[in-house]
Structure formats: structure tokens, C-alpha cells
Amino acid sequence: MKILSIQSAVAYGHVGNSAAVFPLQRIGVDVLPVNTVNFSNHTGYGSWGGPLIAPDDVRAVISGVEDRGVFGQIDAILSGYQGGEGIGEVIIDAVSRVKAANPDALYTCDPVMGNAKSGCFVAPAIPELLRERVVPVADIITPNQFELGFLTETSPDSLESTLASVDAAFAMGPRIALVTSVERPDRDEGTIEMLAVDQAGAWLVTTPYLPFKANGSGDVTAALFTAHYVATGSAKDALERTASSVFDLLKLTLESGERELQLIEAQEFYANPRLQFTARQVR
């Protein structure tokens, strides 16, 4: 399996491609990383060094890859945090060119905008760009519950309203969704959920809630779900494998006392997920 991953990169820590590439490689995926920023660290620290990479430069890297004749071998395209406004059009163009070479390739858009606690933390133009231009060409989307509401201009909170919001997103173009950080009022105390939906149905997985913020965990989640879905064609299987791996990564990170994901230390959890959580069908 080959995945073209167009995301940010950092030297210190693990977000964007610096979070997604190694777990994918550890499960046997050949990753072609294209970086959209080259920062010293993620912006949550409040200061960082390094450049946004100009859209034309990102496009040139992608064109160089295309010149090697490998677009027909790419099984999926993955995009995440978009540092600048012009990157969206570069991604859309790349998706079109890959799909021209391999019509079966899937495009996963992780529509990184913010979360329920922090609100939006991207440039003001990015949410509209995602909603109007990028999400409509995606096959798979992996928003958190807050981002799903922002994309669809809805307010998902219950399971029923979250499913309705997914349906609204599907009307925009995608056909597969993974919704993370699902917080419905009637869930068991001390838990958090993820919801996977495709044309075959909808599945919900419940895991213990771990009380800390882990930058990059969403990037790992989107990457693993994409790879497992491409491999199996099953939203349920991809959900269970992803939830298992990411929970153990987060638990290990919490126990370490470190701020950054313990991405390397958790590598066996990607290669051999424990499958300790069973997803239940909710539609």
C-alpha cells in the first residue's frame, strides 16, 4: 500500500507528517510524505521557528513525485493541517491527478480546524475553504465532533444529531466518515467515543477518557483509519484497530508524564493492536 501524505512537519515532537508517517510505516505502508510547513515544533507551544512552505513549492514536490510515474500505485491521499490558504488548491489538484492515474485511490481529508475546548485555531479563511472546496472532493473525512458541526453548520451533541450531521457531510461529497471526540450526554461517565460511518452502516466504539491534551493524536488516528479502511474496506474493522492503537499510544504517553506523544515507544501497538474495544452497530 502507498499513501501520499500532504501535511505539516515538525523537527521536535509529533504532529502532522511527523505523527502520521511512522505508524503507517510500522504497519507496512509505503508513505510518500509531502510537507506543507517545516516548523521546529507544533504551534501549541506559543513560539516556533521555521517556514510555511509556499504552495508552489509544495506543488513542485508533488509534480516531481508524479514525474517518477508512481501516481498509479498510490492507494490513498491524506491531508491534515493546512498552514496557508493556498495549500487547499494544491491538495485538490493532487487528488485529481492521482485519481486520474488510479481511479480506485481514496482521499482522506482530516479537516483540522479546532476543538470544542479551544474553538477554531486556524486562519479565518481555512474553515470556509475546507467546507466549500476541499471536503467535497474527499472520500473519507475524519473530523472531531466540533469540526463536523462547523463543516455542516449543525450542532451535533447526541448520537442521533451526530449521525444527522454525518449525513449532511455526505451530502457534500464524502462517503466515509470517522468522527472523533464524540461526547454525548448519555454516554457512560469517564468515557469518550468514536463513530465510523460508511454506506454499510454506522459503528460506535467507547474507550476510557484520558484526561490530557495530546497534540498529534488526531493525525495518527486519521492515518491509521485510512490505512486500515483501504486494507479491509470495513469501517468497523478500521475503527476497532484504530481505537485500540491510539488508546494505547495515549495511555503510554499519559503514564510517561511527557507532553509529546510517545510515538516510537508505542510502535508495537500499531503493528499488533490488542483489539480490546468492540464497536457496536448503531445504524
Protein backbone atom coordinates (compact mmCIF):
# COMPACT_ATOMS: atom_id res chain seq x y z
CA MET A 1 0.00 0.00 0.00
CA LYS A 2 1.19 3.51 -0.85
CA ILE A 3 -0.18 6.69 0.77
CA LEU A 4 0.65 10.23 -0.35
CA SER A 5 0.52 12.30 2.85
CA ILE A 6 0.37 16.10 2.43
CA GLN A 7 0.72 17.62 5.90
CA SER A 8 2.77 19.78 8.22
CA ALA A 9 6.06 18.58 9.70
CA VAL A 10 7.97 19.42 12.88
CA ALA A 11 11.53 18.66 13.99
CA TYR A 12 10.63 18.26 17.67
CA GLY A 13 7.58 16.25 18.69
CA HIS A 14 4.92 14.53 16.66
CA VAL A 15 2.19 16.29 14.69
CA GLY A 16 1.22 16.20 11.01
CA ASN A 17 3.52 14.03 8.94
CA SER A 18 5.81 13.80 11.97
CA ALA A 19 2.96 11.91 13.68
CA ALA A 20 1.42 10.05 10.75
CA VAL A 21 4.37 8.64 8.81
CA PHE A 22 5.98 6.30 11.35
CA PRO A 23 2.79 4.50 12.50
CA LEU A 24 1.89 3.94 8.85
CA GLN A 25 5.34 2.60 8.08
CA ARG A 26 5.17 0.36 11.14
CA ILE A 27 2.06 -1.37 9.74
CA GLY A 28 3.72 -1.83 6.35
CA VAL A 29 2.55 1.21 4.41
CA ASP A 30 4.90 2.92 1.97
CA VAL A 31 4.39 6.63 2.76
CA LEU A 32 5.23 9.48 0.41
CA PRO A 33 5.35 12.50 2.76
CA VAL A 34 4.95 15.98 1.31
CA ASN A 35 5.40 18.69 3.93
CA THR A 36 3.39 21.92 3.98
CA VAL A 37 5.30 23.56 6.84
CA ASN A 38 8.71 22.86 8.33
CA PHE A 39 8.45 24.04 11.93
CA SER A 40 10.67 23.41 14.91
CA ASN A 41 7.65 22.28 16.96
CA HIS A 42 3.87 22.49 16.95
CA THR A 43 2.30 25.89 17.48
CA GLY A 44 0.71 24.92 20.80
CA TYR A 45 3.96 25.90 22.49
CA GLY A 46 3.28 29.53 21.58
CA SER A 47 6.58 30.00 19.73
CA TRP A 48 8.27 28.13 16.93
CA GLY A 49 10.79 28.52 14.17
CA GLY A 50 10.71 27.61 10.53
CA PRO A 51 8.72 28.40 7.41
CA LEU A 52 5.36 27.79 5.89
CA ILE A 53 6.20 26.14 2.59
CA ALA A 54 4.87 28.13 -0.36
CA PRO A 55 2.04 26.43 -2.26
CA ASP A 56 4.08 26.48 -5.48
CA ASP A 57 6.91 24.67 -3.71
CA VAL A 58 4.52 22.04 -2.36
CA ARG A 59 3.09 21.64 -5.85
CA ALA A 60 6.60 21.23 -7.25
CA VAL A 61 7.34 18.37 -4.85
CA ILE A 62 4.10 16.63 -5.81
CA SER A 63 4.82 17.15 -9.52
CA GLY A 64 8.27 15.66 -9.03
CA VAL A 65 6.71 12.58 -7.47
CA GLU A 66 4.27 12.38 -10.38
CA ASP A 67 7.20 12.50 -12.79
CA ARG A 68 8.51 9.29 -11.26
CA GLY A 69 5.40 7.55 -12.61
CA VAL A 70 4.10 6.34 -9.25
CA PHE A 71 0.69 8.03 -9.10
CA GLY A 72 -0.96 4.89 -10.47
CA GLN A 73 0.39 2.95 -7.47
CA ILE A 74 -0.97 5.33 -4.81
CA ASP A 75 -3.87 3.83 -2.87
CA ALA A 76 -4.77 6.89 -0.77
CA ILE A 77 -4.06 10.58 -0.36
CA LEU A 78 -4.09 12.00 3.15
CA SER A 79 -4.19 15.67 4.14
CA GLY A 80 -4.34 17.38 7.52
CA TYR A 81 -3.48 20.80 8.95
CA GLN A 82 -3.31 23.43 6.23
CA GLY A 83 -0.98 26.17 7.33
CA GLY A 84 -1.73 28.55 4.47
CA GLU A 85 -4.74 29.31 2.29
CA GLY A 86 -3.15 28.21 -0.99
CA ILE A 87 -2.43 24.65 0.09
CA GLY A 88 -6.06 23.58 -0.35
CA GLU A 89 -5.95 24.11 -4.09
CA VAL A 90 -2.65 22.20 -4.31
CA ILE A 91 -4.26 19.27 -2.49
CA ILE A 92 -7.35 19.33 -4.70
CA ASP A 93 -5.13 19.29 -7.79
CA ALA A 94 -3.05 16.42 -6.41
CA VAL A 95 -6.17 14.38 -5.66
CA SER A 96 -7.41 14.91 -9.21
CA ARG A 97 -4.10 13.83 -10.71
CA VAL A 98 -3.73 10.75 -8.53
CA LYS A 99 -7.29 9.66 -9.27
CA ALA A 100 -6.70 10.12 -12.99
CA ALA A 101 -3.88 7.60 -12.67
CA ASN A 102 -5.69 5.32 -10.20
CA PRO A 103 -9.49 5.80 -10.05
CA ASP A 104 -9.66 3.48 -7.02
CA ALA A 105 -7.47 5.75 -4.86
CA LEU A 106 -9.23 7.23 -1.82
CA TYR A 107 -8.71 10.74 -0.50
CA THR A 108 -8.89 11.31 3.26
CA CYS A 109 -9.35 14.88 4.44
CA ASP A 110 -8.69 15.48 8.12
CA PRO A 111 -10.39 18.91 8.34
CA VAL A 112 -8.24 20.34 11.11
CA MET A 113 -9.90 23.49 12.44
CA GLY A 114 -10.14 23.30 16.21
CA ASN A 115 -11.95 21.57 19.04
CA ALA A 116 -14.77 22.10 21.49
CA LYS A 117 -12.49 23.40 24.24
CA SER A 118 -10.26 25.74 22.22
CA GLY A 119 -12.55 26.74 19.36
CA CYS A 120 -11.04 27.35 15.92
CA PHE A 121 -7.28 27.82 15.82
CA VAL A 122 -6.64 28.07 12.08
CA ALA A 123 -6.57 31.09 9.77
CA PRO A 124 -10.07 32.54 9.29
CA ALA A 125 -10.26 31.53 5.62
CA ILE A 126 -9.41 27.86 6.22
CA PRO A 127 -12.79 26.59 7.53
CA GLU A 128 -14.64 28.04 4.54
CA LEU A 129 -12.00 26.67 2.16
CA LEU A 130 -12.40 23.22 3.69
CA ARG A 131 -16.18 23.38 3.57
CA GLU A 132 -16.54 24.78 0.07
CA ARG A 133 -13.61 23.31 -1.85
CA VAL A 134 -11.70 20.51 -0.10
CA VAL A 135 -14.28 18.35 1.70
CA PRO A 136 -16.48 17.98 -1.42
CA VAL A 137 -13.67 16.09 -3.22
CA ALA A 138 -12.89 13.82 -0.24
CA ASP A 139 -13.90 10.17 0.03
CA ILE A 140 -13.12 9.95 3.75
CA ILE A 141 -13.34 12.71 6.35
CA THR A 142 -12.04 12.44 9.92
CA PRO A 143 -13.37 15.45 11.85
CA ASN A 144 -13.82 15.66 15.57
CA GLN A 145 -17.37 16.32 16.67
CA PHE A 146 -16.75 20.08 16.85
CA GLU A 147 -15.28 20.18 13.33
CA LEU A 148 -18.17 18.09 11.98
CA GLY A 149 -20.59 20.69 13.29
CA PHE A 150 -18.55 23.53 11.83
CA LEU A 151 -18.35 21.88 8.43
CA THR A 152 -22.07 21.14 8.22
CA GLU A 153 -23.29 24.21 10.13
CA THR A 154 -25.05 21.93 12.60
CA SER A 155 -24.75 21.31 16.34
CA PRO A 156 -24.12 17.60 16.92
CA ASP A 157 -24.31 16.53 20.55
CA SER A 158 -26.43 13.36 20.80
CA LEU A 159 -25.78 10.19 18.80
CA GLU A 160 -28.80 10.94 16.63
CA SER A 161 -27.75 14.51 15.85
CA THR A 162 -24.16 13.41 15.17
CA LEU A 163 -25.41 10.83 12.67
CA ALA A 164 -27.58 13.52 11.08
CA SER A 165 -24.54 15.78 10.80
CA VAL A 166 -22.59 12.96 9.13
CA ASP A 167 -25.44 12.59 6.62
CA ALA A 168 -25.19 16.33 5.95
CA ALA A 169 -21.46 15.92 5.36
CA PHE A 170 -22.10 13.01 2.99
CA ALA A 171 -24.42 15.27 1.00
CA MET A 172 -21.36 17.48 0.40
CA GLY A 173 -19.43 14.65 -1.29
CA PRO A 174 -17.64 12.25 1.12
CA ARG A 175 -18.93 8.71 1.63
CA ILE A 176 -16.97 7.57 4.68
CA ALA A 177 -16.57 9.39 7.99
CA LEU A 178 -14.69 8.88 11.20
CA VAL A 179 -15.91 11.27 13.91
CA THR A 180 -13.55 11.55 16.88
CA SER A 181 -14.11 13.02 20.36
CA VAL A 182 -17.81 12.20 20.33
CA GLU A 183 -19.25 13.43 23.61
CA ARG A 184 -22.94 12.69 24.03
CA PRO A 185 -24.66 13.40 27.33
CA ASP A 186 -25.93 9.85 27.83
CA ARG A 187 -22.58 8.08 27.44
CA ASP A 188 -21.07 6.31 30.43
CA GLU A 189 -19.16 8.57 32.79
CA GLY A 190 -15.42 8.63 32.19
CA THR A 191 -15.65 7.56 28.57
CA ILE A 192 -15.26 9.07 25.12
CA GLU A 193 -16.35 7.67 21.77
CA MET A 194 -15.53 7.48 18.07
CA LEU A 195 -18.08 6.95 15.34
CA ALA A 196 -17.36 5.41 11.92
CA VAL A 197 -19.95 5.61 9.16
CA ASP A 198 -19.99 4.36 5.59
CA GLN A 199 -22.61 3.08 3.17
CA ALA A 200 -22.83 -0.24 5.03
CA GLY A 201 -23.76 1.28 8.39
CA ALA A 202 -22.53 3.15 11.43
CA TRP A 203 -20.41 1.85 14.32
CA LEU A 204 -19.60 3.39 17.70
CA VAL A 205 -16.63 2.49 19.87
CA THR A 206 -16.30 3.54 23.51
CA THR A 207 -12.97 3.92 25.29
CA PRO A 208 -11.95 5.29 28.69
CA TYR A 209 -11.39 9.05 28.68
CA LEU A 210 -7.79 10.02 29.35
CA PRO A 211 -7.62 13.50 30.94
CA PHE A 212 -4.91 15.26 28.98
CA LYS A 213 -4.34 17.03 25.67
CA ALA A 214 -2.19 15.17 23.16
CA ASN A 215 -1.24 17.18 20.09
CA GLY A 216 -0.90 14.92 17.07
CA SER A 217 -3.23 12.17 18.23
CA GLY A 218 -5.79 13.16 15.60
CA ASP A 219 -3.12 12.92 12.90
CA VAL A 220 -2.23 9.38 13.99
CA THR A 221 -5.93 8.49 14.11
CA ALA A 222 -6.67 9.74 10.59
CA ALA A 223 -3.61 7.97 9.19
CA LEU A 224 -4.30 4.59 10.78
CA PHE A 225 -8.02 4.67 9.97
CA THR A 226 -7.24 5.44 6.33
CA ALA A 227 -4.77 2.59 6.01
CA HIS A 228 -6.99 0.07 7.78
CA TYR A 229 -10.02 1.10 5.70
CA VAL A 230 -8.08 0.80 2.45
CA ALA A 231 -6.82 -2.63 3.54
CA THR A 232 -10.14 -4.06 4.74
CA GLY A 233 -12.96 -2.00 3.23
CA SER A 234 -14.64 -2.27 6.65
CA ALA A 235 -15.46 0.80 8.75
CA LYS A 236 -15.98 -1.43 11.80
CA ASP A 237 -12.63 -3.17 11.47
CA ALA A 238 -10.78 0.06 10.75
CA LEU A 239 -12.47 1.72 13.74
CA GLU A 240 -11.61 -1.08 16.17
CA ARG A 241 -7.99 -1.30 15.08
CA THR A 242 -7.52 2.47 15.16
CA ALA A 243 -9.19 2.88 18.56
CA SER A 244 -7.06 0.11 20.04
CA SER A 245 -3.76 1.53 18.77
CA VAL A 246 -4.48 5.16 19.58
CA PHE A 247 -5.79 4.43 23.08
CA ASP A 248 -2.64 2.51 23.96
CA LEU A 249 -0.48 5.28 22.47
CA LEU A 250 -2.28 7.87 24.58
CA LYS A 251 -2.20 5.74 27.73
CA LEU A 252 1.53 5.19 27.35
CA THR A 253 2.05 8.92 26.79
CA LEU A 254 0.00 9.84 29.86
CA GLU A 255 1.91 7.37 32.02
CA SER A 256 5.24 8.74 30.76
CA GLY A 257 4.49 12.25 32.05
CA GLU A 258 5.79 13.67 28.76
CA ARG A 259 3.97 16.34 26.78
CA GLU A 260 4.75 14.88 23.37
CA LEU A 261 3.28 11.64 22.06
CA GLN A 262 5.43 8.62 22.83
CA LEU A 263 5.12 7.66 19.20
CA ILE A 264 8.19 5.47 18.86
CA GLU A 265 7.79 3.76 22.22
CA ALA A 266 4.23 2.75 21.28
CA GLN A 267 5.14 1.15 17.96
CA GLU A 268 4.03 -2.38 18.87
CA PHE A 269 0.52 -1.06 19.45
CA TYR A 270 0.28 -0.14 15.74
CA ALA A 271 1.85 -3.34 14.43
CA ASN A 272 -0.11 -5.61 16.78
CA PRO A 273 -3.21 -3.81 18.11
CA ARG A 274 -4.73 -5.50 21.15
CA LEU A 275 -8.27 -5.10 19.77
CA GLN A 276 -9.54 -4.55 23.29
CA PHE A 277 -12.56 -2.49 22.16
CA THR A 278 -15.54 -3.77 20.20
CA ALA A 279 -17.54 -1.37 18.06
CA ARG A 280 -21.31 -1.72 18.16
CA GLN A 281 -23.52 -1.01 15.18
CA VAL A 282 -25.81 1.97 15.74
CA ARG A 283 -27.36 2.18 12.27
